[in-house]
Protein backbone atom coordinates (compact mmCIF):
# COMPACT_ATOMS: atom_id res chain seq x y z
CA MET A 1 -68.53 40.84 -12.08
CA PRO A 2 -66.69 38.14 -10.36
CA GLU A 3 -63.16 38.24 -10.86
CA PRO A 4 -61.54 35.42 -12.90
CA PRO A 5 -59.80 32.74 -10.85
CA VAL A 6 -56.15 32.93 -10.48
CA ARG A 7 -54.42 30.23 -12.09
CA PRO A 8 -51.41 29.11 -10.29
CA SER A 9 -48.01 29.52 -11.89
CA ARG A 10 -46.09 26.73 -13.52
CA ILE A 11 -43.59 26.77 -10.65
CA ARG A 12 -46.36 26.21 -7.94
CA LYS A 13 -47.87 23.38 -10.04
CA TRP A 14 -44.45 21.73 -10.04
CA LEU A 15 -43.84 22.29 -6.29
CA ARG A 16 -47.32 20.84 -5.53
CA LYS A 17 -46.47 17.87 -7.69
CA ASN A 18 -42.82 17.19 -6.44
CA GLY A 19 -42.61 19.16 -3.30
CA THR A 20 -43.01 15.86 -1.04
CA GLY A 21 -40.42 14.05 -2.90
CA LEU A 22 -37.94 17.34 -2.78
CA LEU A 23 -38.65 17.28 1.00
CA PHE A 24 -37.62 13.85 1.44
CA ILE A 25 -34.17 14.11 -0.62
CA SER A 26 -33.34 17.57 0.77
CA PRO A 27 -30.52 16.25 2.83
CA TRP A 28 -28.83 14.70 -0.15
CA LEU A 29 -29.50 17.53 -2.23
CA VAL A 30 -27.79 19.99 0.38
CA GLY A 31 -25.18 17.64 0.84
CA PHE A 32 -24.52 17.21 -2.93
CA PHE A 33 -24.63 20.85 -3.60
CA CYS A 34 -22.47 21.70 -0.60
CA PHE A 35 -19.81 19.08 -0.63
CA THR A 36 -19.71 17.84 -4.45
CA ILE A 37 -21.12 20.46 -6.87
CA GLY A 38 -19.45 23.52 -4.85
CA PRO A 39 -15.86 22.05 -4.36
CA PHE A 40 -16.08 21.06 -8.09
CA PHE A 41 -16.33 24.53 -9.23
CA SER A 42 -14.19 26.03 -6.55
CA SER A 43 -11.28 23.69 -7.75
CA VAL A 44 -11.48 25.19 -11.20
CA TYR A 45 -10.98 28.75 -9.52
CA LEU A 46 -8.24 27.72 -6.99
CA SER A 47 -6.14 25.93 -10.05
CA PHE A 48 -5.74 29.53 -11.17
CA ASN A 49 -4.30 30.74 -7.58
CA SER A 50 -1.53 30.16 -4.94
CA TYR A 51 -3.46 29.00 -2.13
CA ASP A 52 -2.13 27.39 1.01
CA LEU A 53 -5.28 27.08 3.26
CA VAL A 54 -3.97 29.77 5.70
CA HIS A 55 -3.86 32.62 3.37
CA ARG A 56 -6.30 34.23 0.91
CA PRO A 57 -5.81 32.63 -2.69
CA VAL A 58 -3.68 34.65 -4.75
CA TRP A 59 -4.27 34.98 -8.48
CA VAL A 60 -1.38 33.53 -10.67
CA GLY A 61 -3.24 32.88 -13.94
CA ALA A 62 -1.97 29.76 -15.42
CA ALA A 63 1.24 29.54 -13.80
CA ASN A 64 0.37 26.27 -11.98
CA TYR A 65 -0.61 24.44 -15.20
CA ALA A 66 2.76 25.96 -16.96
CA THR A 67 4.69 24.60 -13.74
CA LEU A 68 3.20 21.06 -14.08
CA LEU A 69 3.84 20.65 -17.72
CA HIS A 70 7.20 22.33 -18.00
CA ASP A 71 9.03 22.33 -14.65
CA ASP A 72 7.98 19.52 -12.68
CA PRO A 73 9.41 16.22 -13.73
CA MET A 74 7.56 14.28 -10.86
CA PHE A 75 4.20 15.29 -12.68
CA TRP A 76 5.49 13.34 -15.64
CA GLN A 77 6.91 10.33 -13.61
CA SER A 78 3.60 10.04 -11.53
CA LEU A 79 1.53 10.17 -14.60
CA TRP A 80 3.67 7.51 -16.38
CA VAL A 81 3.47 5.25 -13.47
CA THR A 82 -0.33 5.46 -13.46
CA VAL A 83 -0.57 4.91 -17.16
CA LYS A 84 1.55 2.11 -16.84
CA TYR A 85 -0.42 0.60 -14.16
CA ALA A 86 -3.87 1.18 -16.01
CA VAL A 87 -2.47 -0.38 -19.20
CA VAL A 88 -1.36 -3.70 -17.50
CA SER A 89 -4.00 -4.01 -14.43
CA VAL A 90 -7.08 -3.09 -16.24
CA PRO A 91 -6.75 -5.88 -19.22
CA VAL A 92 -5.55 -8.19 -17.10
CA GLY A 93 -8.28 -7.72 -14.53
CA ILE A 94 -10.81 -7.97 -17.10
CA VAL A 95 -9.34 -11.32 -18.52
CA VAL A 96 -9.17 -12.92 -15.08
CA GLY A 97 -12.64 -11.73 -14.12
CA VAL A 98 -14.19 -13.10 -17.18
CA ALA A 99 -12.38 -16.40 -16.78
CA LEU A 100 -13.52 -16.55 -13.23
CA ALA A 101 -17.08 -15.86 -14.08
CA ILE A 102 -17.20 -18.39 -16.90
CA LEU A 103 -15.75 -21.13 -14.58
CA LEU A 104 -18.02 -20.23 -11.88
CA ASN A 105 -21.12 -20.16 -14.26
CA THR A 106 -20.91 -23.92 -14.41
CA LYS A 107 -23.13 -26.13 -12.62
CA VAL A 108 -20.73 -27.84 -10.33
CA LYS A 109 -21.17 -29.06 -6.50
CA GLY A 110 -20.50 -26.13 -4.07
CA GLN A 111 -20.94 -23.46 -6.99
CA THR A 112 -22.53 -21.00 -4.43
CA LEU A 113 -19.58 -21.48 -1.89
CA PHE A 114 -16.79 -20.82 -4.65
CA ARG A 115 -18.61 -17.81 -5.84
CA THR A 116 -18.75 -16.33 -2.10
CA ILE A 117 -15.04 -17.33 -1.67
CA PHE A 118 -14.03 -15.25 -4.83
CA TYR A 119 -16.25 -12.55 -4.16
CA LEU A 120 -15.25 -11.90 -0.63
CA PRO A 121 -12.02 -10.27 -1.01
CA SER A 122 -13.58 -7.39 -2.95
CA ILE A 123 -15.42 -6.11 -0.03
CA VAL A 124 -12.58 -6.34 2.43
CA PRO A 125 -11.38 -2.55 3.02
CA ALA A 126 -8.46 -1.47 0.95
CA VAL A 127 -6.61 -0.51 4.05
CA ALA A 128 -6.79 -3.85 5.49
CA ASN A 129 -5.75 -5.39 2.15
CA ALA A 130 -2.77 -3.10 2.19
CA VAL A 131 -1.80 -3.94 5.68
CA VAL A 132 -2.16 -7.79 5.00
CA PHE A 133 -0.26 -7.66 1.55
CA SER A 134 2.55 -5.46 3.19
CA TRP A 135 3.18 -8.75 5.30
CA ILE A 136 2.52 -11.29 2.50
CA LEU A 137 4.88 -9.33 0.21
CA ASN A 138 7.69 -8.86 2.96
CA PRO A 139 10.99 -9.99 1.65
CA GLU A 140 12.24 -11.45 4.96
CA ILE A 141 9.22 -12.83 6.92
CA GLY A 142 6.61 -12.83 3.98
CA LEU A 143 4.27 -15.69 3.03
CA ILE A 144 5.22 -15.65 -0.56
CA ASN A 145 8.91 -15.66 0.04
CA GLY A 146 8.70 -18.19 2.73
CA ILE A 147 6.97 -20.70 0.14
CA LEU A 148 9.44 -19.97 -2.46
CA ARG A 149 12.53 -20.46 -0.07
CA SER A 150 10.77 -23.90 0.87
CA LEU A 151 10.78 -24.62 -2.74
CA GLY A 152 14.79 -23.84 -2.75
CA LEU A 153 14.10 -20.45 -4.71
CA GLU A 154 14.97 -16.92 -3.69
CA GLY A 155 12.11 -14.59 -4.13
CA PRO A 156 12.39 -10.89 -5.05
CA ALA A 157 12.39 -7.86 -2.48
CA TRP A 158 8.74 -7.09 -4.03
CA LEU A 159 7.78 -3.64 -2.59
CA ASN A 160 11.62 -2.92 -1.54
CA ASP A 161 12.76 -3.31 -5.17
CA PRO A 162 12.09 -0.68 -7.78
CA LYS A 163 11.71 -3.21 -10.54
CA TRP A 164 9.11 -5.14 -8.61
CA ALA A 165 7.09 -2.51 -6.58
CA LEU A 166 4.92 -1.66 -9.25
CA TRP A 167 4.36 -5.15 -10.55
CA SER A 168 3.49 -6.22 -6.79
CA LEU A 169 0.60 -3.73 -6.58
CA MET A 170 -0.52 -4.97 -9.98
CA LEU A 171 -0.42 -8.53 -8.53
CA MET A 172 -2.31 -7.42 -5.36
CA GLY A 173 -5.08 -5.76 -7.72
CA LEU A 174 -6.15 -9.30 -8.74
CA TRP A 175 -6.98 -10.14 -5.08
CA GLY A 176 -10.23 -7.90 -5.47
CA VAL A 177 -11.20 -9.06 -8.93
CA GLY A 178 -14.26 -10.87 -7.48
CA GLY A 179 -16.27 -7.61 -7.57
CA SER A 180 -16.18 -7.34 -11.42
CA MET A 181 -16.43 -11.06 -11.50
CA VAL A 182 -20.04 -10.80 -10.02
CA ILE A 183 -20.95 -8.29 -12.71
CA TYR A 184 -19.54 -10.70 -15.67
CA LEU A 185 -21.46 -13.54 -13.89
CA ALA A 186 -24.72 -11.57 -14.28
CA GLY A 187 -24.19 -10.79 -17.85
CA LEU A 188 -23.23 -14.50 -18.65
CA GLN A 189 -26.62 -15.70 -17.05
CA ASP A 190 -28.57 -12.89 -19.23
CA ILE A 191 -27.32 -14.74 -22.33
CA PRO A 192 -30.33 -16.90 -23.78
CA ILE A 193 -29.77 -20.64 -23.60
CA HIS A 194 -31.36 -21.35 -27.09
CA LEU A 195 -28.19 -19.65 -28.64
CA TYR A 196 -25.94 -22.17 -27.12
CA GLU A 197 -28.30 -24.73 -28.23
CA ALA A 198 -28.61 -23.54 -31.43
CA ALA A 199 -24.37 -23.33 -31.80
CA THR A 200 -24.44 -26.87 -30.52
CA LEU A 201 -26.74 -28.30 -33.05
CA ASP A 202 -24.80 -26.65 -35.55
CA GLY A 203 -21.60 -28.34 -34.39
CA ALA A 204 -19.88 -25.61 -32.65
CA SER A 205 -17.26 -26.70 -30.23
CA ALA A 206 -16.79 -25.31 -26.81
CA TYR A 207 -14.26 -22.77 -27.75
CA GLN A 208 -16.39 -21.76 -30.79
CA ARG A 209 -19.36 -21.08 -28.65
CA LEU A 210 -17.23 -18.86 -26.15
CA ARG A 211 -15.69 -16.97 -29.05
CA LYS A 212 -19.11 -16.63 -31.22
CA VAL A 213 -21.70 -16.50 -28.43
CA THR A 214 -20.45 -15.84 -24.86
CA LEU A 215 -17.82 -12.87 -25.53
CA PRO A 216 -19.84 -10.94 -28.04
CA LEU A 217 -22.71 -11.10 -25.90
CA LEU A 218 -20.69 -10.11 -22.80
CA THR A 219 -19.10 -7.30 -24.55
CA PRO A 220 -21.46 -4.45 -22.93
CA VAL A 221 -20.49 -5.76 -19.45
CA ILE A 222 -16.81 -5.88 -20.44
CA PHE A 223 -17.02 -2.45 -21.67
CA PHE A 224 -18.65 -0.91 -18.55
CA ASN A 225 -16.02 -2.88 -16.42
CA LEU A 226 -13.28 -1.32 -18.93
CA VAL A 227 -14.53 2.15 -18.40
CA MET A 228 -14.78 1.65 -14.60
CA GLY A 229 -11.35 0.10 -14.58
CA ILE A 230 -9.74 3.06 -16.59
CA ILE A 231 -11.32 5.55 -13.94
CA GLY A 232 -10.40 3.76 -10.87
CA SER A 233 -6.76 3.47 -12.19
CA PHE A 234 -6.21 7.06 -12.31
CA GLN A 235 -7.51 7.16 -8.90
CA TYR A 236 -5.22 4.54 -7.41
CA PHE A 237 -4.16 5.94 -4.18
CA THR A 238 -4.77 3.98 -0.91
CA GLU A 239 -2.49 0.77 -1.39
CA ALA A 240 0.17 2.97 -2.67
CA PHE A 241 0.02 5.47 0.20
CA ILE A 242 0.08 2.64 3.02
CA MET A 243 2.29 0.23 1.50
CA THR A 244 5.16 2.22 -0.41
CA ASN A 245 4.39 6.06 0.07
CA GLY A 246 5.67 6.28 -3.60
CA GLY A 247 8.84 4.55 -3.06
CA PRO A 248 11.30 3.00 -3.45
CA GLU A 249 12.96 5.63 -5.89
CA GLY A 250 9.47 6.85 -7.07
CA SER A 251 8.53 3.65 -8.74
CA THR A 252 5.19 3.67 -7.26
CA SER A 253 4.46 7.34 -7.13
CA PHE A 254 0.99 7.38 -8.58
CA TYR A 255 -0.64 10.53 -9.86
CA ALA A 256 -3.12 10.66 -7.09
CA LEU A 257 -0.67 9.98 -4.36
CA TYR A 258 1.68 12.88 -5.75
CA LEU A 259 -1.42 15.13 -5.79
CA PHE A 260 -2.22 14.12 -2.21
CA GLN A 261 1.43 15.05 -1.19
CA ARG A 262 1.32 18.52 -2.84
CA ALA A 263 -2.16 19.23 -1.24
CA TRP A 264 -1.56 18.07 2.15
CA GLN A 265 2.12 17.88 2.80
CA TYR A 266 3.18 20.97 1.12
CA LEU A 267 -0.03 22.60 1.32
CA ASP A 268 -0.05 23.82 -2.22
CA MET A 269 -3.77 23.65 -2.70
CA GLY A 270 -3.78 25.56 -6.13
CA TYR A 271 -1.25 23.24 -7.60
CA ALA A 272 -2.85 20.27 -6.51
CA CYS A 273 -6.42 21.37 -7.86
CA ALA A 274 -4.48 22.09 -11.37
CA MET A 275 -3.28 18.58 -11.07
CA ALA A 276 -6.80 17.40 -10.39
CA TRP A 277 -8.17 19.14 -13.52
CA ILE A 278 -5.46 17.80 -15.49
CA VAL A 279 -6.26 14.15 -14.60
CA PHE A 280 -10.03 15.03 -15.07
CA VAL A 281 -9.55 15.90 -18.66
CA ILE A 282 -7.06 13.06 -19.46
CA THR A 283 -9.64 10.49 -18.01
CA MET A 284 -12.43 12.40 -20.05
CA VAL A 285 -10.31 11.97 -23.17
CA ILE A 286 -9.40 8.33 -22.68
CA THR A 287 -13.14 7.46 -21.58
CA GLY A 288 -14.27 9.31 -24.71
CA ILE A 289 -11.97 7.32 -26.91
CA VAL A 290 -13.31 4.07 -25.39
CA PHE A 291 -16.91 5.31 -25.80
CA GLN A 292 -16.25 6.01 -29.68
CA SER A 293 -14.52 2.68 -30.13
CA GLN A 294 -17.45 0.59 -28.58
CA LYS A 295 -19.50 1.05 -31.82
CA ARG A 296 -17.03 -1.25 -33.53
CA TRP A 297 -16.81 -3.99 -30.74
CA VAL A 298 -19.71 -3.88 -28.26
CA HIS A 299 -22.76 -5.74 -29.21
CA PHE A 300 -25.98 -4.65 -27.53
CA GLY A 301 -29.03 -6.88 -27.62
CA HIS A 302 -29.41 -10.56 -28.42
């Protein structure tokens, strides 16, 4: 009797179907597992160790977390600076981005040119932005204080003054609002015209159309930029590192900057990993709260 044909296993069927695609994306998969997933889980282990990159990790249990929460005032200061930055810069960035998008959504002469001008700063490298603004905000030879002096006013010390340094970085953050503006602009153009026409026929003013039609239908885009803004605020590093390095008097010592200093200046990698996981949990909690709240104020669909 002839032997029954051997049926290929499910794994073989799956490999025949997807093998070519896997082969093409294999470089990305190798990079993802080696440089993303691997370090991600390694940092969990290292956060419970004392590790300086030179010697083997030494298990210390929860000592790193206990020191962070109870014996490191710089941890709380850097967290507070980051929270202040997020509380101010994220809402202001949303308001300015939406306002610019609404202005640039009107049909005026040179509309494309104005959109390009406002968008360009968002694609300039962060290092270049930091270097330029270090000059613009210089209290002695800076552009802003030079303009103020020509008007008979004396400008603040900006980055050299503990009272103004953080506000200076917040002000600088508005320079790159063009990136979110483009996303808002796409959201505005997705709003059906007939809703505006119906509102106009009902006698709605421009402000009422903005409040009752534009903003409610733009809330999914606002929600997206809100989440991305919160995550980005807790990762704020480059500008503070180049322009102030945490000074003056720790007024711009952001969490990510302090984490970098613990990791690469003090070579306290275990401590830095613990810091990274704390900020990860904080970001996840805040993002989770925002996701829960969106049920009450985000309107999906038209």
